[in-house]
Amino acid sequence: MDEAGLEAAILAAHAAGDEAALARLYGAAGDIRLAAGDIDAACFFHTQAHVFALSAADLAAAEASHALLKRYGREE
């Protein structure tokens, strides 16, 4: 999915209140930014992914985003 499609999917998931989809989509956005070398944006998106994964009780997704955030020093 390209970034425009991802943005549309994120907006639709917000409108639907679909926290599990938001966790997945924000994680994907973070991965795209990470691949582009934009660590700050990647960590922003993974913070959102982490929050929505916790809200959706998706502990595996929450841990994956949390591990990335720790790797880049976003948790001291």
Protein backbone atom coordinates (compact mmCIF):
# COMPACT_ATOMS: atom_id res chain seq x y z
CA MET A 1 0.00 0.00 0.00
CA ASP A 2 1.38 3.42 -0.89
CA GLU A 3 1.43 6.30 1.59
CA ALA A 4 -1.72 7.94 0.17
CA GLY A 5 -3.62 4.67 0.45
CA LEU A 6 -2.28 4.16 3.95
CA GLU A 7 -3.41 7.63 4.98
CA ALA A 8 -6.91 6.96 3.61
CA ALA A 9 -7.02 3.63 5.44
CA ILE A 10 -5.95 5.29 8.70
CA LEU A 11 -8.66 7.92 8.37
CA ALA A 12 -11.26 5.23 7.63
CA ALA A 13 -10.14 3.18 10.64
CA HIS A 14 -10.41 6.26 12.86
CA ALA A 15 -13.92 6.91 11.54
CA ALA A 16 -14.86 3.29 12.26
CA GLY A 17 -13.19 3.26 15.68
CA ASP A 18 -11.24 0.15 14.65
CA GLU A 19 -8.33 0.16 17.12
CA ALA A 20 -6.86 -3.12 15.87
CA ALA A 21 -6.68 -1.76 12.32
CA LEU A 22 -5.21 1.50 13.61
CA ALA A 23 -2.46 -0.40 15.42
CA ARG A 24 -1.62 -2.31 12.25
CA LEU A 25 -1.83 0.74 9.95
CA TYR A 26 0.20 3.05 12.17
CA GLY A 27 2.80 0.29 12.48
CA ALA A 28 2.94 0.03 8.69
CA ALA A 29 3.32 3.81 8.40
CA GLY A 30 6.15 3.66 10.92
CA ASP A 31 7.87 0.90 8.99
CA ILE A 32 7.65 2.96 5.78
CA ARG A 33 9.21 5.98 7.48
CA LEU A 34 11.87 3.76 9.07
CA ALA A 35 12.80 2.35 5.66
CA ALA A 36 13.10 5.93 4.39
CA GLY A 37 15.49 6.74 7.22
CA ASP A 38 13.12 9.12 9.01
CA ILE A 39 13.56 7.80 12.56
CA ASP A 40 11.58 10.58 14.26
CA ALA A 41 8.51 10.02 12.08
CA ALA A 42 8.87 6.26 12.39
CA CYS A 43 8.88 6.53 16.17
CA PHE A 44 5.89 8.87 16.12
CA PHE A 45 3.87 6.37 14.09
CA HIS A 46 5.02 3.44 16.23
CA THR A 47 3.99 5.33 19.36
CA GLN A 48 0.49 5.58 17.89
CA ALA A 49 0.63 1.91 16.91
CA HIS A 50 1.65 0.98 20.45
CA VAL A 51 -1.21 2.93 22.04
CA PHE A 52 -3.84 1.49 19.70
CA ALA A 53 -2.45 -2.04 20.07
CA LEU A 54 -2.75 -1.75 23.85
CA SER A 55 -6.32 -0.44 23.48
CA ALA A 56 -7.16 -3.37 21.20
CA ALA A 57 -5.46 -5.83 23.59
CA ASP A 58 -3.08 -6.93 20.82
CA LEU A 59 -0.12 -7.56 23.07
CA ALA A 60 2.11 -8.95 20.32
CA ALA A 61 1.70 -5.80 18.20
CA ALA A 62 2.14 -3.61 21.28
CA GLU A 63 5.39 -5.37 22.16
CA ALA A 64 6.72 -5.07 18.60
CA SER A 65 6.18 -1.31 18.54
CA HIS A 66 7.49 -0.96 22.09
CA ALA A 67 10.68 -2.82 21.17
CA LEU A 68 11.25 -0.50 18.21
CA LEU A 69 10.72 2.55 20.39
CA LYS A 70 13.20 1.25 22.95
CA ARG A 71 15.73 0.46 20.20
CA TYR A 72 15.67 4.10 19.12
CA GLY A 73 15.91 5.51 22.64
CA ARG A 74 12.33 6.70 22.92
CA GLU A 75 12.01 5.14 26.34
CA GLU A 76 14.57 5.79 29.00
